[in-house]
C-alpha atoms as a PDB file:
ATOM      1  CA  MET A   1      53.740  91.440 106.903  1.00  0.00           C
ATOM      2  CA  ARG A   2      52.985  93.170 103.024  1.00  0.00           C
ATOM      3  CA  LEU A   3      55.547  96.544 104.233  1.00  0.00           C
ATOM      4  CA  LEU A   4      57.987  94.314 105.371  1.00  0.00           C
ATOM      5  CA  ARG A   5      57.917  92.218 102.195  1.00  0.00           C
ATOM      6  CA  LYS A   6      57.908  95.837 100.312  1.00  0.00           C
ATOM      7  CA  LEU A   7      60.301  97.073 102.387  1.00  0.00           C
ATOM      8  CA  ALA A   8      63.321  93.963 101.676  1.00  0.00           C
ATOM      9  CA  GLY A   9      61.753  94.406  97.745  1.00  0.00           C
ATOM     10  CA  ARG A  10      63.493  98.081  97.674  1.00  0.00           C
ATOM     11  CA  CYS A  11      66.267  96.859  99.336  1.00  0.00           C
ATOM     12  CA  ARG A  12      67.353  94.277  97.352  1.00  0.00           C
ATOM     13  CA  THR A  13      67.117  96.567  93.718  1.00  0.00           C
ATOM     14  CA  GLY A  14      68.826  99.194  95.029  1.00  0.00           C
ATOM     15  CA  GLU A  15      72.500  99.935  94.186  1.00  0.00           C
ATOM     16  CA  SER A  16      74.860  97.993  95.712  1.00  0.00           C
ATOM     17  CA  GLY A  17      78.246  97.510  95.098  1.00  0.00           C
ATOM     18  CA  MET A  18      80.613  98.579  92.359  1.00  0.00           C
ATOM     19  CA  THR A  19      79.981  98.714  88.915  1.00  0.00           C
ATOM     20  CA  THR A  20      82.860  98.481  86.335  1.00  0.00           C
ATOM     21  CA  ALA A  21      83.854 101.444  85.592  1.00  0.00           C
ATOM     22  CA  GLU A  22      83.903 102.264  89.423  1.00  0.00           C
ATOM     23  CA  TYR A  23      86.009  99.556  89.457  1.00  0.00           C
ATOM     24  CA  ALA A  24      88.773 100.929  86.917  1.00  0.00           C
ATOM     25  CA  VAL A  25      88.507 104.371  87.858  1.00  0.00           C
ATOM     26  CA  GLY A  26      89.263 102.390  91.779  1.00  0.00           C
ATOM     27  CA  THR A  27      92.096 100.497  90.126  1.00  0.00           C
ATOM     28  CA  LEU A  28      93.401 103.059  88.124  1.00  0.00           C
ATOM     29  CA  ALA A  29      93.671 105.441  91.475  1.00  0.00           C
ATOM     30  CA  ALA A  30      95.123 102.669  93.276  1.00  0.00           C
ATOM     31  CA  CYS A  31      98.194 102.263  90.553  1.00  0.00           C
ATOM     32  CA  GLY A  32      98.881 106.301  89.880  1.00  0.00           C
ATOM     33  CA  PHE A  33      98.788 106.037  93.877  1.00  0.00           C
ATOM     34  CA  ALA A  34     101.412 103.156  94.194  1.00  0.00           C
ATOM     35  CA  ALA A  35     103.632 104.856  91.329  1.00  0.00           C
ATOM     36  CA  VAL A  36     103.674 108.426  93.692  1.00  0.00           C
ATOM     37  CA  LEU A  37     104.705 106.221  96.860  1.00  0.00           C
ATOM     38  CA  TYR A  38     107.173 104.279  94.548  1.00  0.00           C
ATOM     39  CA  LYS A  39     109.340 107.149  94.088  1.00  0.00           C
ATOM     40  CA  VAL A  40     109.196 108.942  97.372  1.00  0.00           C
ATOM     41  CA  VAL A  41     110.387 105.466  98.705  1.00  0.00           C
ATOM     42  CA  THR A  42     113.318 105.314  95.797  1.00  0.00           C
ATOM     43  CA  SER A  43     114.265 108.752  96.359  1.00  0.00           C
ATOM     44  CA  GLY A  44     117.078 109.627  97.430  1.00  0.00           C
ATOM     45  CA  ALA A  45     116.459 111.659 100.542  1.00  0.00           C
ATOM     46  CA  VAL A  46     114.438 108.613 101.450  1.00  0.00           C
ATOM     47  CA  SER A  47     116.110 105.764 100.931  1.00  0.00           C
ATOM     48  CA  SER A  48     119.238 107.157 102.573  1.00  0.00           C
ATOM     49  CA  ALA A  49     117.045 108.326 105.741  1.00  0.00           C
ATOM     50  CA  LEU A  50     115.412 104.270 105.551  1.00  0.00           C
ATOM     51  CA  GLY A  51     118.858 102.603 105.463  1.00  0.00           C
ATOM     52  CA  GLY A  52     119.830 104.755 108.089  1.00  0.00           C
ATOM     53  CA  LEU A  53     117.529 103.705 110.659  1.00  0.00           C
ATOM     54  CA  ILE A  54     117.595  99.543 108.793  1.00  0.00           C
ATOM     55  CA  LYS A  55     121.625 100.178 110.021  1.00  0.00           C
ATOM     56  CA  ARG A  56     121.177 101.484 113.398  1.00  0.00           C
ATOM     57  CA  ALA A  57     118.140  99.098 113.842  1.00  0.00           C
ATOM     58  CA  LEU A  58     121.076  96.064 113.012  1.00  0.00           C
ATOM     59  CA  ASP A  59     124.001  97.930 115.103  1.00  0.00           C
ATOM     60  CA  VAL A  60     122.208  97.893 118.253  1.00  0.00           C
ATOM     61  CA  ALA A  61     123.880  95.368 121.259  1.00  0.00           C
ATOM     62  CA  PHE A  62     122.099  93.170 122.944  1.00  0.00           C
END
């Protein structure tokens, strides 16, 4: 029983979750990824491909 309490105490004192600095780095990385994704999606080639795909989907006869 003492061993179980000792192990449970170790689990609670270990690191769990992210710290504030890790949240900040993760937020910056997510914003950077979003900016790159936005640039890719709004580029001419991707924009025309998506437009063509939507046009073909709307022109389908039922």
